[in-house]
């Protein structure tokens, strides 16, 4: 009896289920012929053979549109003025074109330079060659040296100057030489920052003598670009030492290698800003290519006599108390007032801003890690859908990686908590953030990589 009732119930359920009208899928979401406004058009644009070597390089150009630039500094120092000795340290090396880079920047050409320089196969040797608007441009050591005016001729290109030879041999890591360099660069009684692993790894800008501050300013803008200006890694210190002592350096070799690092950024090298825009514009101009008239950026805020007097030669304000270095700074305990000195003293703004910047950096790093994870998952799912060879009407319901990025609308760069993001070249002082508000130039912006004080940060 029970089995009979069960069969009857099952029969009626099947019959009525088949008779029920089917509900349409996604009713009301999109009318016929209507397209989504949140998704950009697919990447079916025609290949521009006049600007790119291949579609691969055209896609690389699109990736570089997200990257801001880190420009050089123009050094307009009076050769008969009070700081002529500082200028002479650089002009005696024959670096006049590095001191006076082209200031009118066409951002499209700079990005095309880097996009076409990327090897299609990253396992192949890097050839130091690119393609810009029909012209092949080399940027190896020899080409850069020629651009600078053959400042360091070599009878054999396989030979190295004294600086790079010692660098490759590890001479600068030997303690007697390291101590000599440290004593020449830092103020008396000061030393390098020590990492958690117990090794010396950073030299603080504010602990350097004034001549070395000037040299470091030149290096971090025009030779080894890095928007983290409040210190440098110890591997930069030997170059400061050689310039300080007037020893000739094959700077073209260093610049060629830095151009390689920027070209490979986001691939086999850490992501960074697009450096050397002025140098690149100079290389393109020397190639006799017909230059477009469009100017997208201009290099501003030159290093002149007034800049040196205000930001390098002026004595730092006396600190109320010795502040911990950025690598040793700690977060305040809850319930206390860590940034308020005793009632007889002023509010310690430098310590507060340093702590606040570290908090912002930690949050930024977490958000970027989350975005990378989400992007990876979305791309993996999209590839699985493609490999399954679903029909187009099914695939169209799944976002392409480009549409996903447009939908997420991830904000580029890291805004300054005291004034906003600014232009790609920056307009605000970063020394406020790094706890040294009077020492650095007013157009300083945080590093695109976050300005981390981690042990392995690139110098």
Protein backbone atom coordinates (compact mmCIF):
# COMPACT_ATOMS: atom_id res chain seq x y z
CA UNK A 1 0.00 0.00 0.00
CA UNK A 2 2.80 2.38 0.94
CA UNK A 3 4.67 1.69 -2.30
CA UNK A 4 1.47 2.33 -4.29
CA UNK A 5 0.93 5.75 -2.67
CA UNK A 6 4.58 6.68 -3.19
CA UNK A 7 4.40 5.84 -6.90
CA UNK A 8 1.23 7.91 -7.33
CA UNK A 9 2.76 10.95 -5.68
CA UNK A 10 5.91 10.62 -7.75
CA UNK A 11 3.82 10.31 -10.97
CA UNK A 12 1.82 13.49 -10.31
CA UNK A 13 4.98 15.45 -9.46
CA UNK A 14 6.60 14.46 -12.74
CA UNK A 15 3.49 15.30 -14.78
CA UNK A 16 2.85 18.70 -13.22
CA UNK A 17 6.54 19.59 -13.36
CA UNK A 18 6.54 18.94 -17.09
CA UNK A 19 3.41 21.02 -17.59
CA UNK A 20 4.68 24.02 -15.64
CA UNK A 21 5.90 26.83 -17.90
CA UNK A 22 9.66 27.33 -17.91
CA UNK A 23 10.89 30.61 -16.53
CA UNK A 24 13.16 32.59 -18.81
CA UNK A 25 16.77 32.97 -17.67
CA UNK A 26 18.06 36.45 -16.70
CA UNK A 27 14.71 38.08 -17.53
CA UNK A 28 14.89 41.85 -17.39
CA UNK A 29 18.67 42.03 -17.03
CA UNK A 30 19.44 43.04 -20.58
CA UNK A 31 17.22 43.80 -23.55
CA UNK A 32 17.89 42.37 -26.95
CA UNK A 33 20.72 44.19 -28.69
CA UNK A 34 21.78 45.90 -25.45
CA UNK A 35 25.42 45.71 -24.34
CA UNK A 36 27.01 46.08 -20.94
CA UNK A 37 28.48 49.48 -20.24
CA UNK A 38 30.86 48.14 -17.55
CA UNK A 39 32.90 46.06 -19.98
CA UNK A 40 35.31 47.66 -22.44
CA UNK A 41 35.38 46.48 -26.05
CA UNK A 42 37.49 43.36 -26.68
CA UNK A 43 41.10 43.79 -27.66
CA UNK A 44 40.49 43.41 -31.36
CA UNK A 45 42.16 46.65 -32.35
CA UNK A 46 44.30 46.42 -35.50
CA UNK A 47 48.01 45.91 -35.10
CA UNK A 48 49.97 49.18 -35.43
CA UNK A 49 53.10 48.04 -37.27
CA UNK A 50 54.54 51.58 -37.33
CA UNK A 51 54.73 51.74 -33.55
CA UNK A 52 55.23 48.16 -32.40
CA UNK A 53 57.34 45.19 -33.38
CA UNK A 54 54.51 42.72 -32.78
CA UNK A 55 51.12 42.33 -31.13
CA UNK A 56 52.98 41.09 -28.07
CA UNK A 57 54.74 44.44 -27.77
CA UNK A 58 51.52 46.32 -28.47
CA UNK A 59 49.95 44.49 -25.52
CA UNK A 60 52.99 45.36 -23.42
CA UNK A 61 52.42 49.03 -24.23
CA UNK A 62 48.88 48.76 -22.83
CA UNK A 63 50.31 47.32 -19.62
CA UNK A 64 52.76 50.22 -19.30
CA UNK A 65 49.93 52.75 -19.53
CA UNK A 66 49.30 51.96 -15.87
CA UNK A 67 52.86 52.89 -14.89
CA UNK A 68 53.80 56.41 -13.84
CA UNK A 69 57.19 57.95 -14.59
CA UNK A 70 60.13 58.87 -12.40
CA UNK A 71 61.90 61.77 -14.13
CA UNK A 72 65.48 62.89 -13.90
CA UNK A 73 66.54 66.13 -12.24
CA UNK A 74 67.87 69.08 -14.20
CA UNK A 75 70.97 70.54 -12.50
CA UNK A 76 71.08 74.31 -13.14
CA UNK A 77 73.94 75.21 -10.80
CA UNK A 78 75.94 78.41 -11.33
CA UNK A 79 79.47 77.32 -12.36
CA UNK A 80 80.86 80.49 -10.73
CA UNK A 81 78.53 80.39 -7.73
CA UNK A 82 79.03 79.19 -4.14
CA UNK A 83 78.34 75.56 -5.07
CA UNK A 84 80.65 75.31 -8.05
CA UNK A 85 82.70 72.62 -6.30
CA UNK A 86 79.65 70.35 -6.10
CA UNK A 87 78.94 70.88 -9.79
CA UNK A 88 82.58 70.19 -10.63
CA UNK A 89 82.34 66.71 -9.07
CA UNK A 90 79.87 65.77 -11.82
CA UNK A 91 81.14 67.83 -14.77
CA UNK A 92 84.69 66.49 -14.32
CA UNK A 93 83.24 63.05 -15.03
CA UNK A 94 81.90 64.35 -18.36
CA UNK A 95 78.24 63.94 -17.44
CA UNK A 96 76.94 67.18 -18.91
CA UNK A 97 74.08 65.51 -20.80
CA UNK A 98 73.01 63.67 -17.66
CA UNK A 99 72.85 66.99 -15.81
CA UNK A 100 70.74 68.58 -18.56
CA UNK A 101 68.21 65.97 -19.74
CA UNK A 102 65.48 66.89 -22.21
CA UNK A 103 62.59 68.34 -20.20
CA UNK A 104 59.74 68.04 -22.75
CA UNK A 105 58.55 64.44 -22.46
CA UNK A 106 56.34 62.61 -24.95
CA UNK A 107 54.95 59.82 -22.77
CA UNK A 108 53.89 57.73 -25.77
CA UNK A 109 57.45 57.53 -27.09
CA UNK A 110 58.85 56.61 -23.67
CA UNK A 111 56.35 53.78 -23.25
CA UNK A 112 56.93 52.56 -26.82
CA UNK A 113 60.66 52.53 -26.06
CA UNK A 114 60.19 50.23 -23.08
CA UNK A 115 57.43 48.12 -24.68
CA UNK A 116 59.42 47.25 -27.81
CA UNK A 117 62.58 46.57 -25.79
CA UNK A 118 60.96 43.64 -23.97
CA UNK A 119 62.16 40.29 -25.39
CA UNK A 120 59.36 38.12 -26.75
CA UNK A 121 61.12 35.16 -25.12
CA UNK A 122 62.41 36.03 -21.66
CA UNK A 123 64.77 33.04 -21.70
CA UNK A 124 66.78 34.58 -24.55
CA UNK A 125 69.67 37.01 -23.92
CA UNK A 126 68.69 40.65 -23.47
CA UNK A 127 69.85 42.55 -26.57
CA UNK A 128 69.58 46.18 -25.32
CA UNK A 129 67.71 47.21 -28.46
CA UNK A 130 64.30 48.73 -29.08
CA UNK A 131 62.12 50.12 -31.86
CA UNK A 132 60.48 53.56 -31.91
CA UNK A 133 58.40 54.79 -34.87
CA UNK A 134 60.41 52.91 -37.48
CA UNK A 135 63.84 53.53 -35.92
CA UNK A 136 65.96 50.91 -34.19
CA UNK A 137 67.60 52.35 -31.07
CA UNK A 138 70.31 50.65 -29.03
CA UNK A 139 70.80 51.37 -25.34
CA UNK A 140 73.71 49.13 -24.39
CA UNK A 141 76.83 50.40 -22.63
CA UNK A 142 78.48 51.54 -25.87
CA UNK A 143 75.37 53.39 -27.13
CA UNK A 144 74.84 55.21 -23.81
CA UNK A 145 78.52 56.14 -23.65
CA UNK A 146 78.33 57.56 -27.18
CA UNK A 147 75.22 59.56 -26.24
CA UNK A 148 77.07 61.04 -23.24
CA UNK A 149 79.93 62.15 -25.49
CA UNK A 150 82.25 59.14 -25.21
CA UNK A 151 83.09 60.10 -21.63
CA UNK A 152 84.68 56.74 -20.84
CA UNK A 153 86.31 55.18 -23.94
CA UNK A 154 87.37 51.53 -23.69
CA UNK A 155 89.79 49.85 -26.06
CA UNK A 156 88.02 46.57 -25.41
CA UNK A 157 84.28 46.53 -24.72
CA UNK A 158 84.70 43.41 -22.61
CA UNK A 159 86.91 45.29 -20.17
CA UNK A 160 85.50 47.07 -17.13
CA UNK A 161 86.40 50.22 -15.30
CA UNK A 162 87.81 50.05 -11.78
CA UNK A 163 84.44 50.65 -10.13
CA UNK A 164 82.53 47.87 -11.90
CA UNK A 165 85.48 45.50 -11.66
CA UNK A 166 85.60 45.92 -7.87
CA UNK A 167 81.82 45.66 -7.72
CA UNK A 168 81.84 42.33 -9.55
CA UNK A 169 84.70 41.00 -7.41
CA UNK A 170 82.85 41.87 -4.21
CA UNK A 171 85.63 44.18 -3.04
CA UNK A 172 83.15 46.67 -1.60
CA UNK A 173 81.72 43.99 0.69
CA UNK A 174 85.05 43.38 2.39
CA UNK A 175 85.03 45.03 5.80
CA UNK A 176 88.11 47.33 5.48
CA UNK A 177 86.81 48.82 2.21
CA UNK A 178 83.25 49.05 3.50
CA UNK A 179 84.47 50.89 6.61
CA UNK A 180 86.48 53.33 4.47
CA UNK A 181 83.44 54.12 2.35
CA UNK A 182 81.21 54.50 5.40
CA UNK A 183 83.57 56.93 7.12
CA UNK A 184 83.82 59.05 3.95
CA UNK A 185 80.06 59.26 3.43
CA UNK A 186 78.44 59.44 6.86
CA UNK A 187 78.78 62.04 9.57
CA UNK A 188 81.21 61.28 12.36
CA UNK A 189 79.90 58.67 14.77
CA UNK A 190 77.08 57.51 12.48
CA UNK A 191 76.71 54.09 10.92
CA UNK A 192 74.52 52.11 8.53
CA UNK A 193 71.13 50.73 9.51
CA UNK A 194 71.28 47.10 10.57
CA UNK A 195 68.74 44.59 9.29
CA UNK A 196 66.97 41.96 11.37
CA UNK A 197 69.48 39.47 9.99
CA UNK A 198 72.26 41.50 11.61
CA UNK A 199 73.88 42.93 8.50
CA UNK A 200 74.37 46.56 7.51
CA UNK A 201 72.03 47.30 4.64
CA UNK A 202 70.99 51.00 4.48
CA UNK A 203 72.54 54.45 4.72
CA UNK A 204 70.22 57.20 5.95
CA UNK A 205 70.19 60.37 3.85
CA UNK A 206 70.02 62.61 6.92
CA UNK A 207 73.16 60.99 8.37
CA UNK A 208 75.31 61.77 5.30
CA UNK A 209 77.60 64.75 4.95
CA UNK A 210 76.30 67.52 2.74
CA UNK A 211 78.44 66.74 -0.30
CA UNK A 212 77.27 63.14 -0.31
CA UNK A 213 73.65 64.26 0.04
CA UNK A 214 74.09 66.21 -3.18
CA UNK A 215 75.68 63.21 -4.94
CA UNK A 216 72.93 60.87 -3.75
CA UNK A 217 70.32 63.29 -5.07
CA UNK A 218 71.93 63.02 -8.50
CA UNK A 219 72.23 59.21 -8.37
CA UNK A 220 68.65 58.48 -7.28
CA UNK A 221 67.22 60.63 -10.06
CA UNK A 222 69.64 60.39 -12.98
CA UNK A 223 71.68 57.18 -12.57
CA UNK A 224 69.98 54.57 -10.38
CA UNK A 225 66.39 55.86 -10.22
CA UNK A 226 64.53 55.27 -6.98
CA UNK A 227 61.73 57.39 -5.55
CA UNK A 228 62.64 56.27 -2.02
CA UNK A 229 64.90 59.23 -1.22
CA UNK A 230 65.25 59.10 2.55
CA UNK A 231 68.00 56.47 2.38
CA UNK A 232 69.83 54.15 0.02
CA UNK A 233 71.03 50.57 0.11
CA UNK A 234 74.71 50.04 0.88
CA UNK A 235 75.43 48.93 -2.69
CA UNK A 236 74.87 52.57 -3.79
CA UNK A 237 77.47 53.90 -1.34
CA UNK A 238 80.57 52.82 -3.37
CA UNK A 239 79.31 54.89 -6.32
CA UNK A 240 78.88 57.89 -4.01
CA UNK A 241 82.44 57.30 -2.75
CA UNK A 242 83.97 57.14 -6.24
CA UNK A 243 82.26 60.37 -7.32
CA UNK A 244 83.26 62.04 -4.05
CA UNK A 245 86.92 61.10 -4.59
CA UNK A 246 86.88 62.13 -8.25
CA UNK A 247 87.60 58.62 -9.56
CA UNK A 248 86.35 58.08 -13.12
CA UNK A 249 83.31 55.81 -13.42
CA UNK A 250 81.88 54.15 -16.53
CA UNK A 251 78.40 55.41 -15.72
CA UNK A 252 77.03 54.26 -19.10
CA UNK A 253 77.36 50.63 -17.97
CA UNK A 254 75.28 51.33 -14.86
CA UNK A 255 72.59 53.22 -16.79
CA UNK A 256 72.30 50.51 -19.46
CA UNK A 257 71.73 47.93 -16.74
CA UNK A 258 69.11 50.11 -15.05
CA UNK A 259 67.26 50.50 -18.37
CA UNK A 260 67.23 46.72 -18.63
CA UNK A 261 65.72 46.40 -15.14
CA UNK A 262 62.94 48.86 -15.97
CA UNK A 263 62.24 47.09 -19.27
CA UNK A 264 61.83 43.73 -17.51
CA UNK A 265 59.77 45.13 -14.63
CA UNK A 266 56.72 43.08 -13.85
CA UNK A 267 58.23 40.11 -15.72
CA UNK A 268 61.54 38.82 -14.36
CA UNK A 269 62.23 41.99 -12.31
CA UNK A 270 60.24 43.83 -9.59
CA UNK A 271 57.66 46.33 -10.77
CA UNK A 272 58.84 49.92 -10.74
CA UNK A 273 58.27 53.29 -12.37
CA UNK A 274 59.30 54.21 -15.90
CA UNK A 275 62.63 55.92 -15.34
CA UNK A 276 64.96 57.96 -17.59
CA UNK A 277 62.28 59.74 -19.68
CA UNK A 278 64.67 62.61 -20.45
CA UNK A 279 67.50 60.26 -21.45
CA UNK A 280 65.15 58.23 -23.65
CA UNK A 281 63.91 61.38 -25.39
CA UNK A 282 67.56 62.26 -26.04
CA UNK A 283 68.34 58.84 -27.52
CA UNK A 284 65.28 59.10 -29.77
CA UNK A 285 66.23 62.61 -30.87
CA UNK A 286 69.78 61.50 -31.73
CA UNK A 287 68.35 58.72 -33.91
CA UNK A 288 67.14 61.47 -36.28
CA UNK A 289 63.58 60.26 -36.00
CA UNK A 290 60.92 62.82 -36.81
CA UNK A 291 59.80 63.90 -33.36
CA UNK A 292 56.09 64.43 -32.66
CA UNK A 293 55.17 67.86 -31.33
CA UNK A 294 52.99 66.58 -28.47
CA UNK A 295 54.39 67.13 -24.97
CA UNK A 296 52.65 65.18 -22.21
CA UNK A 297 54.95 65.93 -19.27
CA UNK A 298 57.66 68.41 -18.38
CA UNK A 299 60.53 67.91 -15.95
CA UNK A 300 60.16 70.62 -13.33
CA UNK A 301 61.83 71.77 -10.10
CA UNK A 302 65.51 71.87 -11.12
CA UNK A 303 68.37 71.54 -8.66
CA UNK A 304 69.82 75.05 -8.58
CA UNK A 305 71.76 77.14 -6.08
CA UNK A 306 68.63 78.01 -4.13
CA UNK A 307 67.60 74.35 -3.95
CA UNK A 308 71.02 73.35 -2.60
CA UNK A 309 71.01 76.15 -0.04
CA UNK A 310 67.52 75.33 1.25
CA UNK A 311 67.43 71.55 1.13
CA UNK A 312 71.03 70.33 1.32
CA UNK A 313 73.24 72.92 2.99
CA UNK A 314 70.88 74.18 5.70
CA UNK A 315 71.41 72.60 9.11
CA UNK A 316 68.68 70.23 10.32
CA UNK A 317 66.51 71.36 13.19
CA UNK A 318 67.55 70.05 16.55
CA UNK A 319 65.39 67.12 17.45
CA UNK A 320 63.75 67.05 20.86
CA UNK A 321 64.63 63.40 21.22
CA UNK A 322 66.46 60.83 19.17
CA UNK A 323 63.99 59.24 16.77
CA UNK A 324 64.24 55.61 15.87
CA UNK A 325 65.09 54.83 12.26
CA UNK A 326 62.31 53.72 9.96
CA UNK A 327 63.53 50.12 10.13
CA UNK A 328 63.24 50.14 13.94
CA UNK A 329 60.03 52.16 14.35
CA UNK A 330 57.24 50.50 16.31
CA UNK A 331 53.51 50.99 16.55
CA UNK A 332 52.13 52.79 19.60
CA UNK A 333 50.46 50.87 22.40
CA UNK A 334 46.72 51.28 22.72
CA UNK A 335 45.53 53.61 25.44
CA UNK A 336 48.67 55.76 25.40
CA UNK A 337 49.65 59.03 23.72
CA UNK A 338 52.90 58.01 21.99
CA UNK A 339 53.28 61.14 19.88
CA UNK A 340 52.71 63.71 22.64
CA UNK A 341 55.96 64.67 24.34
CA UNK A 342 55.91 65.92 27.95
CA UNK A 343 53.64 68.89 28.48
CA UNK A 344 56.56 71.32 28.32
CA UNK A 345 57.45 70.37 24.73
CA UNK A 346 55.77 70.61 21.33
CA UNK A 347 53.81 67.92 19.57
CA UNK A 348 56.24 65.46 17.90
CA UNK A 349 54.82 65.73 14.39
CA UNK A 350 57.74 63.93 12.70
CA UNK A 351 57.30 60.73 14.74
CA UNK A 352 53.55 60.82 14.25
CA UNK A 353 53.76 61.19 10.47
CA UNK A 354 56.41 58.47 10.27
CA UNK A 355 54.15 56.04 12.15
CA UNK A 356 51.13 57.09 10.08
CA UNK A 357 52.99 56.50 6.82
CA UNK A 358 53.98 53.01 7.98
CA UNK A 359 50.33 52.25 8.75
CA UNK A 360 49.28 53.45 5.29
CA UNK A 361 52.03 51.43 3.63
CA UNK A 362 50.98 48.25 5.45
CA UNK A 363 47.36 48.76 4.39
CA UNK A 364 48.35 49.50 0.79
CA UNK A 365 50.47 46.34 0.65
CA UNK A 366 47.57 44.23 1.96
CA UNK A 367 45.13 45.70 -0.58
CA UNK A 368 47.55 45.18 -3.45
CA UNK A 369 48.14 41.57 -2.39
CA UNK A 370 44.38 40.99 -2.35
CA UNK A 371 44.02 42.56 -5.80
CA UNK A 372 46.81 40.36 -7.19
CA UNK A 373 45.15 37.25 -5.76
CA UNK A 374 41.74 38.14 -7.18
CA UNK A 375 43.24 38.95 -10.58
CA UNK A 376 45.10 35.63 -10.65
CA UNK A 377 41.96 33.67 -9.77
CA UNK A 378 39.89 35.47 -12.41
CA UNK A 379 42.50 34.90 -15.11
CA UNK A 380 42.80 31.22 -14.16
CA UNK A 381 39.04 30.73 -14.39
CA UNK A 382 38.93 32.54 -17.73
CA UNK A 383 41.66 30.29 -19.15
CA UNK A 384 39.81 27.20 -17.95
CA UNK A 385 36.68 28.42 -19.73
CA UNK A 386 38.67 28.98 -22.93
CA UNK A 387 40.31 25.57 -22.80
CA UNK A 388 36.90 23.93 -22.33
CA UNK A 389 35.89 25.44 -25.70
CA UNK A 390 32.46 26.58 -24.60
CA UNK A 391 30.26 28.21 -27.27
CA UNK A 392 30.59 32.01 -27.69
CA UNK A 393 27.24 32.71 -26.03
CA UNK A 394 28.53 31.03 -22.88
CA UNK A 395 31.98 32.63 -23.00
CA UNK A 396 30.42 36.08 -23.42
CA UNK A 397 28.90 35.76 -19.95
CA UNK A 398 32.38 35.49 -18.40
CA UNK A 399 34.52 38.64 -18.19
CA UNK A 400 37.78 38.83 -20.08
CA UNK A 401 40.82 39.86 -17.96
CA UNK A 402 40.62 43.36 -19.47
CA UNK A 403 36.91 43.68 -18.72
CA UNK A 404 37.52 42.42 -15.19
CA UNK A 405 40.19 45.09 -14.58
CA UNK A 406 37.87 47.77 -15.95
CA UNK A 407 35.06 46.52 -13.73
CA UNK A 408 37.27 46.48 -10.62
CA UNK A 409 38.71 49.90 -11.53
CA UNK A 410 41.76 49.40 -9.32
CA UNK A 411 43.22 52.84 -8.47
CA UNK A 412 46.80 53.25 -9.67
CA UNK A 413 49.52 54.68 -7.47
CA UNK A 414 49.50 55.48 -3.77
CA UNK A 415 48.02 58.81 -2.69
CA UNK A 416 49.89 61.14 -0.39
CA UNK A 417 47.90 61.36 2.89
CA UNK A 418 48.68 65.09 3.02
CA UNK A 419 47.46 66.15 -0.39
CA UNK A 420 46.41 63.44 -2.82
CA UNK A 421 48.08 61.61 -5.64
CA UNK A 422 49.21 64.53 -7.78
CA UNK A 423 50.66 64.10 -11.26
CA UNK A 424 52.82 61.22 -12.35
CA UNK A 425 55.89 63.30 -11.61
CA UNK A 426 54.73 64.30 -8.14
CA UNK A 427 54.48 67.65 -6.41
CA UNK A 428 54.70 67.09 -2.66
CA UNK A 429 57.46 66.45 -0.15
CA UNK A 430 57.93 62.87 0.94
CA UNK A 431 60.29 63.77 3.76
CA UNK A 432 57.25 64.73 5.80
CA UNK A 433 56.27 61.10 5.51
CA UNK A 434 59.76 59.80 6.23
CA UNK A 435 60.32 61.90 9.34
CA UNK A 436 62.81 64.42 7.88
CA UNK A 437 60.57 67.26 6.77
CA UNK A 438 63.19 69.93 6.09
CA UNK A 439 65.81 67.96 4.29
CA UNK A 440 64.49 66.94 0.92
CA UNK A 441 63.08 68.52 -2.20
CA UNK A 442 59.46 69.67 -2.38
CA UNK A 443 58.43 67.46 -5.31
CA UNK A 444 59.15 64.19 -3.53
CA UNK A 445 56.47 61.48 -3.80
CA UNK A 446 56.22 58.00 -2.26
CA UNK A 447 57.73 55.13 -4.20
CA UNK A 448 55.51 53.25 -6.56
CA UNK A 449 56.68 50.10 -4.87
CA UNK A 450 55.58 51.35 -1.52
CA UNK A 451 58.83 52.76 -0.13
CA UNK A 452 59.27 49.66 1.99
CA UNK A 453 62.16 49.37 4.39
CA UNK A 454 62.39 45.63 3.91
CA UNK A 455 65.79 44.07 3.78
CA UNK A 456 65.61 43.21 0.12
CA UNK A 457 64.33 46.52 -1.23
CA UNK A 458 65.93 47.55 -4.48
CA UNK A 459 68.31 50.52 -4.26
